[in-house]
Amino acid sequence: MDNLEKEKQKLIEMFGIHFETHHNLPPLASRIFGTLILNCRIKGLTFEELVEITNASKSSVSTNINLLLKLEKINYYTLPGDRRKHFRPSNLSDRIKNHLKILNSEVQICDKIREFDEQFKLSADYEKGQQILAVYLEYAKDFEKLLQDAIAKINEIENNNSTS
């Protein structure tokens, strides 16, 4: 194994641990995702290639690919005349949009909690709870702006590169 492959394997392992720990992905899904991030800047990898690279069973690779597809972490494309799917990571802007969806859902839940609390005032610490909720909603609003700015910048870079 040459230096390039050793470094790739270290990075894939690092990605794997990161995605297991922080995104709650299973170990194989984490390593498939890391492999796709590192290897798919030019072209995607086929199912057969992923089975070979991961040394996992077809069933396990299939299950974990389906999970990554469902979570919108990866997508696939096909080539004319070739029935095989080529897998690659979703665009970074799409992955950030998923964070935005989660954040917007949390804000909606917080709004419902605030409405409920205002209507029923069940908690002895009602005022304190409202203040904490307000701080969280301010954080969510700031984070939403940050995510939207990042998406816009990525889209601008992608659009400039596609017209070059």
Protein backbone atom coordinates (compact mmCIF):
# COMPACT_ATOMS: atom_id res chain seq x y z
CA MET A 1 0.00 0.00 0.00
CA ASP A 2 1.57 3.29 -1.06
CA ASN A 3 1.56 6.54 0.92
CA LEU A 4 -1.50 7.92 -0.89
CA GLU A 5 -3.58 4.85 -0.03
CA LYS A 6 -2.39 4.87 3.59
CA GLU A 7 -3.38 8.52 3.98
CA LYS A 8 -6.74 7.85 2.31
CA GLN A 9 -7.40 4.97 4.72
CA LYS A 10 -6.55 7.19 7.71
CA LEU A 11 -8.93 9.88 6.47
CA ILE A 12 -11.71 7.36 5.79
CA GLU A 13 -11.27 5.99 9.31
CA MET A 14 -11.35 9.54 10.72
CA PHE A 15 -14.52 10.31 8.71
CA GLY A 16 -16.01 7.03 9.91
CA ILE A 17 -15.44 7.83 13.56
CA HIS A 18 -16.76 11.37 13.07
CA PHE A 19 -19.96 10.26 11.34
CA GLU A 20 -20.53 7.47 13.88
CA THR A 21 -20.03 9.81 16.82
CA HIS A 22 -21.65 13.02 15.63
CA HIS A 23 -24.21 11.88 13.05
CA ASN A 24 -25.17 8.58 14.71
CA LEU A 25 -24.49 6.60 11.55
CA PRO A 26 -23.63 2.90 11.75
CA PRO A 27 -19.92 2.08 11.27
CA LEU A 28 -20.27 0.75 7.72
CA ALA A 29 -22.46 3.65 6.57
CA SER A 30 -19.90 6.04 8.05
CA ARG A 31 -17.06 4.41 6.15
CA ILE A 32 -19.04 4.25 2.90
CA PHE A 33 -19.81 7.95 3.26
CA GLY A 34 -16.17 8.76 4.01
CA THR A 35 -15.04 6.67 1.05
CA LEU A 36 -17.43 8.48 -1.26
CA ILE A 37 -16.32 11.90 0.01
CA LEU A 38 -12.67 11.08 -0.68
CA ASN A 39 -13.04 9.15 -3.94
CA CYS A 40 -15.91 10.79 -5.77
CA ARG A 41 -14.72 14.21 -6.74
CA ILE A 42 -14.59 13.12 -10.38
CA LYS A 43 -16.89 10.10 -10.68
CA GLY A 44 -19.08 8.07 -8.39
CA LEU A 45 -18.43 4.55 -7.18
CA THR A 46 -20.62 1.61 -8.14
CA PHE A 47 -22.19 -0.80 -5.68
CA GLU A 48 -19.69 -3.48 -6.69
CA GLU A 49 -16.77 -1.10 -6.10
CA LEU A 50 -18.12 -0.23 -2.65
CA VAL A 51 -18.48 -3.92 -1.77
CA GLU A 52 -14.87 -4.50 -2.82
CA ILE A 53 -13.49 -1.41 -1.04
CA THR A 54 -15.32 -2.05 2.24
CA ASN A 55 -14.84 -5.84 2.29
CA ALA A 56 -18.42 -6.10 3.55
CA SER A 57 -21.25 -8.32 2.38
CA LYS A 58 -23.51 -7.17 -0.45
CA SER A 59 -26.45 -7.18 1.94
CA SER A 60 -24.68 -4.95 4.48
CA VAL A 61 -23.46 -2.52 1.83
CA SER A 62 -26.94 -2.38 0.29
CA THR A 63 -28.60 -1.71 3.65
CA ASN A 64 -26.15 1.07 4.49
CA ILE A 65 -26.34 2.67 1.04
CA ASN A 66 -30.14 2.74 1.38
CA LEU A 67 -29.79 4.42 4.78
CA LEU A 68 -27.43 7.07 3.36
CA LEU A 69 -29.82 7.66 0.44
CA LYS A 70 -32.79 8.00 2.81
CA LEU A 71 -30.86 10.48 4.96
CA GLU A 72 -29.93 12.37 1.77
CA LYS A 73 -26.22 12.08 2.60
CA ILE A 74 -25.56 10.52 -0.81
CA ASN A 75 -27.22 10.32 -4.21
CA TYR A 76 -26.65 8.36 -7.38
CA TYR A 77 -26.65 8.76 -11.11
CA THR A 78 -26.63 6.35 -14.04
CA LEU A 79 -24.73 6.56 -17.30
CA PRO A 80 -26.34 6.06 -20.71
CA GLY A 81 -26.24 2.38 -21.63
CA ASP A 82 -25.11 1.37 -18.13
CA ARG A 83 -27.71 0.14 -15.65
CA ARG A 84 -25.36 0.40 -12.68
CA LYS A 85 -25.85 3.19 -10.16
CA HIS A 86 -22.87 5.39 -9.41
CA PHE A 87 -22.97 6.72 -5.85
CA ARG A 88 -21.50 10.00 -4.64
CA PRO A 89 -21.97 12.33 -1.68
CA SER A 90 -24.82 14.81 -1.96
CA ASN A 91 -23.77 18.34 -2.79
CA LEU A 92 -22.56 20.20 0.26
CA SER A 93 -25.28 22.83 -0.22
CA ASP A 94 -27.91 20.05 -0.16
CA ARG A 95 -26.45 18.65 3.06
CA ILE A 96 -26.54 22.13 4.61
CA LYS A 97 -30.17 22.48 3.46
CA ASN A 98 -30.92 19.32 5.48
CA HIS A 99 -29.48 21.03 8.57
CA LEU A 100 -31.74 23.97 7.77
CA LYS A 101 -34.80 21.68 7.57
CA ILE A 102 -33.99 20.22 10.99
CA LEU A 103 -33.48 23.68 12.45
CA ASN A 104 -36.76 24.97 10.99
CA SER A 105 -38.58 21.97 12.45
CA GLU A 106 -37.10 22.70 15.88
CA VAL A 107 -38.17 26.36 15.62
CA GLN A 108 -41.73 25.28 14.80
CA ILE A 109 -41.74 22.98 17.83
CA CYS A 110 -40.42 25.79 20.04
CA ASP A 111 -43.16 28.10 18.75
CA LYS A 112 -45.76 25.48 19.71
CA ILE A 113 -44.17 25.11 23.16
CA ARG A 114 -44.26 28.89 23.62
CA GLU A 115 -47.94 29.02 22.58
CA PHE A 116 -48.76 26.15 24.94
CA ASP A 117 -46.89 27.77 27.84
CA GLU A 118 -48.56 31.13 27.23
CA GLN A 119 -51.98 29.52 27.19
CA PHE A 120 -51.62 27.25 30.22
CA LYS A 121 -48.70 28.66 32.28
CA LEU A 122 -48.23 25.31 34.03
CA SER A 123 -44.62 25.78 35.06
CA ALA A 124 -43.61 27.54 38.26
CA ASP A 125 -40.60 28.83 36.31
CA TYR A 126 -42.74 30.07 33.41
CA GLU A 127 -40.81 33.35 32.96
CA LYS A 128 -37.43 31.64 33.15
CA GLY A 129 -38.55 29.06 30.59
CA GLN A 130 -39.73 31.80 28.24
CA GLN A 131 -36.38 33.60 28.54
CA ILE A 132 -34.44 30.42 27.79
CA LEU A 133 -36.71 29.69 24.84
CA ALA A 134 -36.16 33.23 23.52
CA VAL A 135 -32.38 32.75 23.71
CA TYR A 136 -32.64 29.46 21.82
CA LEU A 137 -34.86 31.01 19.14
CA GLU A 138 -32.37 33.86 18.72
CA TYR A 139 -29.59 31.29 18.33
CA ALA A 140 -31.70 29.38 15.79
CA LYS A 141 -32.37 32.55 13.81
CA ASP A 142 -28.65 33.42 13.74
CA PHE A 143 -27.73 29.86 12.79
CA GLU A 144 -30.36 29.84 10.04
CA LYS A 145 -28.82 33.01 8.57
CA LEU A 146 -25.35 31.44 8.73
CA LEU A 147 -26.58 28.30 6.93
CA GLN A 148 -28.39 30.32 4.26
CA ASP A 149 -25.27 32.44 3.67
CA ALA A 150 -23.13 29.30 3.31
CA ILE A 151 -25.60 27.79 0.83
CA ALA A 152 -25.61 31.00 -1.21
CA LYS A 153 -21.79 31.13 -1.29
CA ILE A 154 -21.49 27.48 -2.33
CA ASN A 155 -24.12 27.94 -5.04
CA GLU A 156 -22.29 31.02 -6.30
CA ILE A 157 -19.00 29.11 -6.50
CA GLU A 158 -20.68 26.17 -8.26
CA ASN A 159 -22.42 28.49 -10.74
CA ASN A 160 -19.19 30.38 -11.49
CA ASN A 161 -17.32 27.11 -12.06
CA SER A 162 -20.01 25.73 -14.36
CA THR A 163 -19.86 28.82 -16.60
CA SER A 164 -16.06 28.78 -16.85
